């Protein structure tokens, strides 16, 4: 039986989610924009799920836009704000450890003439509110900061930074990539003090291909795509009704087990960290203020891909970092000051509430076996 420990990349859809998607495809197949009864049925379903997701984020349903996922949500947030506010204020600030969908979008905007400042962690691997606030200039239009870094689980000081920005610089728009924190931490849009928040379904046992963007009322956002008037004209195209149904169901199922899942992930995290620290030749890439859903470590002398495939041969599935990096050296670990040799050997284990300590013990046993076999082969 497979041991799946790559939940930061994606999660196995909950059975109730699979049923919700399938039922919708066969029973609620109308176009929500159609004026007849079958279209109205689809529209009502979409609105109900919008309300469910809004309640989870602590906002009104009218402030939720459905997208194809977090990558589109992040692009719409960054490009939409840049287009709306950037002509007069072309400066954008972000952390240096953002997901590729933010980092690479900022690189593209920089080529288009925007000034981008990326804030790096300090020598202790920590971000401070002061480091972000010191970058603010009179022409800053946007600050973007993820809540939970997806390779290490490090929690960034979003609330601390954004609350000061809201008070001192209310004209600066605040965006948060909340993908790894959504339904895993207790924050909502008010606690984050964010104007824009990106979330995704497939990180919480929902379907792939659906996400959402919270847009605070009053924020001007230019659409990235042109087309129809769906999603207030900000995200044209027929809504993916079955995926939206699955998203809403995933949120409901997760809400029922948020605390239970957190405690189980914590047990798995603690067990793995303890056994890794007892194992020679392993360095835990640990930072203060993290969530118990992600643990990153390096196995000395064995490249990530080599260990990853050895574990796969044992039926254990982990990651060498962000799924979007496709096996390349981690830009994020470099930003945290992790040496290249350790970064080349990094393994990311990410838990769901369904993982067990027994699985963790099997993982560590397999890693130790891999150390003996793989280093010996060298």
Foldseek 3Di string as FASTA:
>chain_A
DFAEFALLQFDAADPVLVVLLVCCVVPQVAFCPDPDDSNVSLVVLLLVLLQLVCVLQVHHSLQKFKFQAQLVLLLQVVVFQCVVQVVQQQEEEEALQDDCSNVVSVVVSVVVPGHYHHFFADLQLADDLVSRVVPDDPRAAEYEYEQARSFAQAGHPQQVNLVVCCVPPVRHAYEYADALPRLQDPHHCVSSNHQKYKYGQRSQSFDHRMIMMGHHPPDGTDAPDQDDCPSNRNHDDGDSSSRSSSSSVSSVVSVVCSVLFQVQLQVQQVLLVVLQVVDPQKAWPHHPHGGSFKTKIFRQPDFQVRLQVLVVVVSYHWALGHVVVVLDQRSNVVSSVDDRRRSRRMIMGGDTSPRHNVSSVVVSVSSVVCVVPVVVVD
